[in-house]
C-alpha atoms as a PDB file:
ATOM      1  CA  UNK A   1       3.777  41.704 -21.633  1.00  0.00           C
ATOM      2  CA  UNK A   2       5.359  40.953 -24.920  1.00  0.00           C
ATOM      3  CA  UNK A   3       2.744  42.856 -26.795  1.00  0.00           C
ATOM      4  CA  UNK A   4       3.524  46.094 -24.937  1.00  0.00           C
ATOM      5  CA  UNK A   5       7.154  45.411 -25.486  1.00  0.00           C
ATOM      6  CA  UNK A   6       6.521  44.694 -28.886  1.00  0.00           C
ATOM      7  CA  UNK A   7       4.900  48.142 -29.677  1.00  0.00           C
ATOM      8  CA  UNK A   8       7.841  49.540 -28.016  1.00  0.00           C
ATOM      9  CA  UNK A   9      10.649  48.374 -30.318  1.00  0.00           C
ATOM     10  CA  UNK A  10       8.819  47.378 -33.406  1.00  0.00           C
ATOM     11  CA  UNK A  11       8.748  50.975 -34.875  1.00  0.00           C
ATOM     12  CA  UNK A  12      12.277  51.579 -34.622  1.00  0.00           C
ATOM     13  CA  UNK A  13      14.058  48.321 -34.287  1.00  0.00           C
ATOM     14  CA  UNK A  14      13.169  46.315 -37.348  1.00  0.00           C
ATOM     15  CA  UNK A  15      15.016  47.445 -40.447  1.00  0.00           C
ATOM     16  CA  UNK A  16      13.122  45.128 -42.911  1.00  0.00           C
ATOM     17  CA  UNK A  17       9.533  45.127 -44.245  1.00  0.00           C
ATOM     18  CA  UNK A  18       7.197  42.794 -42.093  1.00  0.00           C
ATOM     19  CA  UNK A  19       3.287  42.354 -42.344  1.00  0.00           C
ATOM     20  CA  UNK A  20       1.919  42.543 -39.050  1.00  0.00           C
ATOM     21  CA  UNK A  21      -0.883  44.435 -37.131  1.00  0.00           C
ATOM     22  CA  UNK A  22      -1.226  45.751 -33.823  1.00  0.00           C
ATOM     23  CA  UNK A  23      -3.863  44.364 -31.379  1.00  0.00           C
ATOM     24  CA  UNK A  24      -5.810  45.718 -28.440  1.00  0.00           C
ATOM     25  CA  UNK A  25      -4.327  48.517 -26.823  1.00  0.00           C
ATOM     26  CA  UNK A  26      -0.643  49.495 -27.527  1.00  0.00           C
ATOM     27  CA  UNK A  27       2.020  51.830 -26.262  1.00  0.00           C
ATOM     28  CA  UNK A  28       3.900  53.315 -29.516  1.00  0.00           C
ATOM     29  CA  UNK A  29       7.220  54.828 -29.384  1.00  0.00           C
ATOM     30  CA  UNK A  30      10.587  53.973 -31.014  1.00  0.00           C
ATOM     31  CA  UNK A  31      14.457  53.537 -29.887  1.00  0.00           C
ATOM     32  CA  UNK A  32      16.429  56.515 -30.429  1.00  0.00           C
ATOM     33  CA  UNK A  33      18.788  56.528 -32.651  1.00  0.00           C
ATOM     34  CA  UNK A  34      22.062  55.256 -31.157  1.00  0.00           C
ATOM     35  CA  UNK A  35      20.437  53.461 -27.749  1.00  0.00           C
ATOM     36  CA  UNK A  36      20.125  49.997 -27.089  1.00  0.00           C
ATOM     37  CA  UNK A  37      17.742  48.299 -24.736  1.00  0.00           C
ATOM     38  CA  UNK A  38      19.677  47.667 -21.268  1.00  0.00           C
ATOM     39  CA  UNK A  39      17.226  46.427 -18.846  1.00  0.00           C
ATOM     40  CA  UNK A  40      13.746  44.753 -18.842  1.00  0.00           C
ATOM     41  CA  UNK A  41      12.012  43.531 -16.134  1.00  0.00           C
ATOM     42  CA  UNK A  42       8.493  42.782 -14.886  1.00  0.00           C
ATOM     43  CA  UNK A  43       7.454  43.330 -10.777  1.00  0.00           C
ATOM     44  CA  UNK A  44       3.487  42.356 -10.185  1.00  0.00           C
ATOM     45  CA  UNK A  45       1.745  44.538 -13.123  1.00  0.00           C
ATOM     46  CA  UNK A  46       4.470  46.708 -13.820  1.00  0.00           C
ATOM     47  CA  UNK A  47       6.466  46.347 -16.956  1.00  0.00           C
ATOM     48  CA  UNK A  48       9.679  48.142 -17.172  1.00  0.00           C
ATOM     49  CA  UNK A  49      12.152  48.563 -19.943  1.00  0.00           C
ATOM     50  CA  UNK A  50      15.435  51.050 -19.748  1.00  0.00           C
ATOM     51  CA  UNK A  51      17.117  52.393 -22.683  1.00  0.00           C
ATOM     52  CA  UNK A  52      20.690  53.855 -22.996  1.00  0.00           C
ATOM     53  CA  UNK A  53      22.964  55.134 -25.412  1.00  0.00           C
ATOM     54  CA  UNK A  54      25.259  52.474 -27.014  1.00  0.00           C
ATOM     55  CA  UNK A  55      28.186  52.810 -24.848  1.00  0.00           C
ATOM     56  CA  UNK A  56      26.534  53.465 -21.575  1.00  0.00           C
ATOM     57  CA  UNK A  57      24.654  50.670 -19.175  1.00  0.00           C
ATOM     58  CA  UNK A  58      22.025  51.247 -16.779  1.00  0.00           C
ATOM     59  CA  UNK A  59      24.835  50.895 -13.932  1.00  0.00           C
ATOM     60  CA  UNK A  60      26.626  53.670 -15.575  1.00  0.00           C
ATOM     61  CA  UNK A  61      24.391  56.204 -17.721  1.00  0.00           C
ATOM     62  CA  UNK A  62      24.266  59.924 -18.570  1.00  0.00           C
ATOM     63  CA  UNK A  63      21.332  59.734 -20.566  1.00  0.00           C
ATOM     64  CA  UNK A  64      18.492  57.235 -19.900  1.00  0.00           C
ATOM     65  CA  UNK A  65      14.902  56.368 -21.370  1.00  0.00           C
ATOM     66  CA  UNK A  66      12.424  54.211 -19.129  1.00  0.00           C
ATOM     67  CA  UNK A  67       9.168  53.087 -20.119  1.00  0.00           C
ATOM     68  CA  UNK A  68       7.015  51.770 -17.623  1.00  0.00           C
ATOM     69  CA  UNK A  69       3.748  49.983 -18.559  1.00  0.00           C
ATOM     70  CA  UNK A  70       0.940  49.678 -15.535  1.00  0.00           C
ATOM     71  CA  UNK A  71      -0.941  46.583 -16.851  1.00  0.00           C
ATOM     72  CA  UNK A  72      -4.774  46.665 -15.638  1.00  0.00           C
ATOM     73  CA  UNK A  73      -4.107  50.059 -14.182  1.00  0.00           C
ATOM     74  CA  UNK A  74      -7.282  52.172 -15.209  1.00  0.00           C
ATOM     75  CA  UNK A  75      -7.830  54.372 -12.427  1.00  0.00           C
ATOM     76  CA  UNK A  76      -4.851  56.508 -12.280  1.00  0.00           C
ATOM     77  CA  UNK A  77      -4.982  59.814 -14.108  1.00  0.00           C
ATOM     78  CA  UNK A  78      -1.656  61.793 -15.477  1.00  0.00           C
ATOM     79  CA  UNK A  79      -2.071  64.628 -13.458  1.00  0.00           C
ATOM     80  CA  UNK A  80      -2.330  61.873 -10.170  1.00  0.00           C
ATOM     81  CA  UNK A  81       0.702  60.511 -11.374  1.00  0.00           C
ATOM     82  CA  UNK A  82       2.588  63.951 -12.116  1.00  0.00           C
ATOM     83  CA  UNK A  83       1.649  64.942  -8.499  1.00  0.00           C
ATOM     84  CA  UNK A  84       2.763  61.767  -7.246  1.00  0.00           C
ATOM     85  CA  UNK A  85       6.127  62.058  -8.987  1.00  0.00           C
ATOM     86  CA  UNK A  86       7.082  65.665  -8.337  1.00  0.00           C
ATOM     87  CA  UNK A  87       6.056  64.991  -4.462  1.00  0.00           C
ATOM     88  CA  UNK A  88       8.394  62.273  -4.369  1.00  0.00           C
ATOM     89  CA  UNK A  89      11.130  64.072  -6.111  1.00  0.00           C
ATOM     90  CA  UNK A  90      10.882  66.850  -3.902  1.00  0.00           C
ATOM     91  CA  UNK A  91      11.308  64.690  -0.892  1.00  0.00           C
ATOM     92  CA  UNK A  92      14.726  63.351  -2.070  1.00  0.00           C
ATOM     93  CA  UNK A  93      16.076  66.230  -3.971  1.00  0.00           C
ATOM     94  CA  UNK A  94      16.638  69.604  -2.065  1.00  0.00           C
ATOM     95  CA  UNK A  95      15.952  72.548  -4.446  1.00  0.00           C
ATOM     96  CA  UNK A  96      13.883  70.479  -7.096  1.00  0.00           C
ATOM     97  CA  UNK A  97      12.298  72.262  -9.879  1.00  0.00           C
ATOM     98  CA  UNK A  98       9.271  71.306 -11.914  1.00  0.00           C
ATOM     99  CA  UNK A  99       7.488  72.652 -14.862  1.00  0.00           C
ATOM    100  CA  UNK A 100       4.384  71.817 -16.907  1.00  0.00           C
ATOM    101  CA  UNK A 101       4.657  71.227 -20.434  1.00  0.00           C
ATOM    102  CA  UNK A 102       1.326  70.008 -21.595  1.00  0.00           C
ATOM    103  CA  UNK A 103      -2.017  68.250 -20.872  1.00  0.00           C
ATOM    104  CA  UNK A 104      -5.104  67.426 -22.310  1.00  0.00           C
ATOM    105  CA  UNK A 105      -6.286  64.748 -24.859  1.00  0.00           C
ATOM    106  CA  UNK A 106      -4.436  63.060 -27.486  1.00  0.00           C
ATOM    107  CA  UNK A 107      -5.514  60.178 -29.705  1.00  0.00           C
ATOM    108  CA  UNK A 108      -8.601  59.890 -27.401  1.00  0.00           C
ATOM    109  CA  UNK A 109      -6.351  59.486 -24.349  1.00  0.00           C
ATOM    110  CA  UNK A 110      -5.672  62.095 -21.128  1.00  0.00           C
ATOM    111  CA  UNK A 111      -1.976  62.783 -21.276  1.00  0.00           C
ATOM    112  CA  UNK A 112       0.663  64.899 -19.345  1.00  0.00           C
ATOM    113  CA  UNK A 113       3.993  65.971 -20.363  1.00  0.00           C
ATOM    114  CA  UNK A 114       6.391  67.635 -17.323  1.00  0.00           C
ATOM    115  CA  UNK A 115       9.630  68.325 -16.653  1.00  0.00           C
ATOM    116  CA  UNK A 116      11.563  67.607 -13.213  1.00  0.00           C
ATOM    117  CA  UNK A 117      15.223  69.047 -12.381  1.00  0.00           C
ATOM    118  CA  UNK A 118      17.154  68.371  -9.561  1.00  0.00           C
ATOM    119  CA  UNK A 119      20.388  70.818  -9.085  1.00  0.00           C
ATOM    120  CA  UNK A 120      22.160  67.793  -7.184  1.00  0.00           C
ATOM    121  CA  UNK A 121      20.665  64.375  -6.972  1.00  0.00           C
ATOM    122  CA  UNK A 122      21.868  62.976  -3.496  1.00  0.00           C
ATOM    123  CA  UNK A 123      22.308  59.668  -5.025  1.00  0.00           C
ATOM    124  CA  UNK A 124      24.793  60.350  -7.789  1.00  0.00           C
ATOM    125  CA  UNK A 125      26.335  63.549  -6.757  1.00  0.00           C
ATOM    126  CA  UNK A 126      25.104  65.014 -10.133  1.00  0.00           C
ATOM    127  CA  UNK A 127      22.494  66.984 -11.569  1.00  0.00           C
ATOM    128  CA  UNK A 128      19.718  65.266 -13.062  1.00  0.00           C
ATOM    129  CA  UNK A 129      16.655  66.461 -15.326  1.00  0.00           C
ATOM    130  CA  UNK A 130      13.725  64.248 -16.375  1.00  0.00           C
ATOM    131  CA  UNK A 131      11.249  64.716 -19.236  1.00  0.00           C
ATOM    132  CA  UNK A 132       7.890  62.779 -18.613  1.00  0.00           C
ATOM    133  CA  UNK A 133       4.888  61.964 -20.285  1.00  0.00           C
ATOM    134  CA  UNK A 134       2.203  59.932 -18.776  1.00  0.00           C
ATOM    135  CA  UNK A 135      -0.980  58.401 -20.625  1.00  0.00           C
ATOM    136  CA  UNK A 136      -4.056  57.126 -19.063  1.00  0.00           C
ATOM    137  CA  UNK A 137      -5.155  54.237 -21.609  1.00  0.00           C
ATOM    138  CA  UNK A 138      -8.087  52.151 -21.327  1.00  0.00           C
ATOM    139  CA  UNK A 139      -6.310  48.698 -20.310  1.00  0.00           C
ATOM    140  CA  UNK A 140      -3.512  50.057 -18.670  1.00  0.00           C
ATOM    141  CA  UNK A 141      -1.717  53.415 -17.426  1.00  0.00           C
ATOM    142  CA  UNK A 142       2.144  54.028 -19.331  1.00  0.00           C
ATOM    143  CA  UNK A 143       4.801  56.500 -18.175  1.00  0.00           C
ATOM    144  CA  UNK A 144       7.491  57.228 -20.410  1.00  0.00           C
ATOM    145  CA  UNK A 145      10.733  59.207 -18.967  1.00  0.00           C
ATOM    146  CA  UNK A 146      13.728  60.757 -20.638  1.00  0.00           C
ATOM    147  CA  UNK A 147      16.684  61.313 -17.863  1.00  0.00           C
ATOM    148  CA  UNK A 148      19.778  63.309 -17.973  1.00  0.00           C
ATOM    149  CA  UNK A 149      22.484  63.167 -15.433  1.00  0.00           C
ATOM    150  CA  UNK A 150      23.384  66.803 -16.254  1.00  0.00           C
ATOM    151  CA  UNK A 151      22.006  69.887 -17.388  1.00  0.00           C
ATOM    152  CA  UNK A 152      20.610  69.117 -20.672  1.00  0.00           C
ATOM    153  CA  UNK A 153      22.017  70.853 -23.718  1.00  0.00           C
ATOM    154  CA  UNK A 154      19.206  72.449 -26.232  1.00  0.00           C
ATOM    155  CA  UNK A 155      19.665  69.946 -28.577  1.00  0.00           C
ATOM    156  CA  UNK A 156      19.199  67.138 -25.976  1.00  0.00           C
ATOM    157  CA  UNK A 157      15.884  69.169 -24.747  1.00  0.00           C
ATOM    158  CA  UNK A 158      14.840  69.078 -28.411  1.00  0.00           C
ATOM    159  CA  UNK A 159      15.399  65.749 -28.697  1.00  0.00           C
ATOM    160  CA  UNK A 160      13.593  64.582 -25.418  1.00  0.00           C
ATOM    161  CA  UNK A 161      10.725  66.891 -26.468  1.00  0.00           C
ATOM    162  CA  UNK A 162      10.246  65.421 -29.910  1.00  0.00           C
ATOM    163  CA  UNK A 163      10.595  62.002 -28.550  1.00  0.00           C
ATOM    164  CA  UNK A 164       7.944  62.311 -26.082  1.00  0.00           C
ATOM    165  CA  UNK A 165       5.497  63.990 -28.648  1.00  0.00           C
ATOM    166  CA  UNK A 166       5.896  60.729 -30.821  1.00  0.00           C
ATOM    167  CA  UNK A 167       5.021  58.704 -27.966  1.00  0.00           C
ATOM    168  CA  UNK A 168       1.279  57.485 -28.574  1.00  0.00           C
ATOM    169  CA  UNK A 169      -1.436  55.056 -27.433  1.00  0.00           C
ATOM    170  CA  UNK A 170      -3.511  53.438 -29.966  1.00  0.00           C
ATOM    171  CA  UNK A 171      -6.441  50.616 -29.932  1.00  0.00           C
ATOM    172  CA  UNK A 172      -7.028  48.522 -32.776  1.00  0.00           C
ATOM    173  CA  UNK A 173     -10.611  47.529 -31.130  1.00  0.00           C
ATOM    174  CA  UNK A 174     -11.380  51.781 -31.392  1.00  0.00           C
ATOM    175  CA  UNK A 175     -11.686  53.070 -34.968  1.00  0.00           C
ATOM    176  CA  UNK A 176     -11.174  56.435 -33.625  1.00  0.00           C
ATOM    177  CA  UNK A 177      -8.033  55.556 -31.823  1.00  0.00           C
ATOM    178  CA  UNK A 178      -6.387  53.364 -34.429  1.00  0.00           C
ATOM    179  CA  UNK A 179      -2.930  51.512 -34.505  1.00  0.00           C
ATOM    180  CA  UNK A 180      -0.510  51.852 -37.495  1.00  0.00           C
ATOM    181  CA  UNK A 181       0.132  49.244 -40.108  1.00  0.00           C
ATOM    182  CA  UNK A 182       3.570  48.068 -39.535  1.00  0.00           C
ATOM    183  CA  UNK A 183       4.258  47.078 -43.439  1.00  0.00           C
ATOM    184  CA  UNK A 184       3.094  45.336 -46.426  1.00  0.00           C
ATOM    185  CA  UNK A 185       3.661  41.911 -47.192  1.00  0.00           C
ATOM    186  CA  UNK A 186       6.946  40.994 -48.893  1.00  0.00           C
ATOM    187  CA  UNK A 187       6.469  40.027 -52.365  1.00  0.00           C
END
């Protein structure tokens, strides 16, 4: 669990130079500017982290970034996760809409990016738009979601897509899927 949460935060949270190496398989993505980690939990094999803007909370948010790591899940595919998420969304949201943005291989891992929109989420009474990226790792399965409780502005769409584009999986054990070096030793 610590390895995955470390990967999530190290790229964006450390304001100083460090010397460290990622080990094994890692999900890489940073904390967006102005966001904070507001909730972390582990249930069974799933580790979840929820991040929101500094002035918000997971109980009262307008934007939320959620990362789920399904430890040891090796058989799920991004397309199967997309179909499952869309089916669940359609069952709870009348008029749900979906759009596939991209799918394929990235750094040697299968991935899918898609958008889900709900004109009126029955649990909040507000529209909800979610941008998702699923990655099938060799050790685990990864799902990153950036959600808005309103129709996102063009700047928010750009930010969500840029963030998802930067989300990657690496593996220090595989030369063709290298992890970044986090810095040089302090002198």
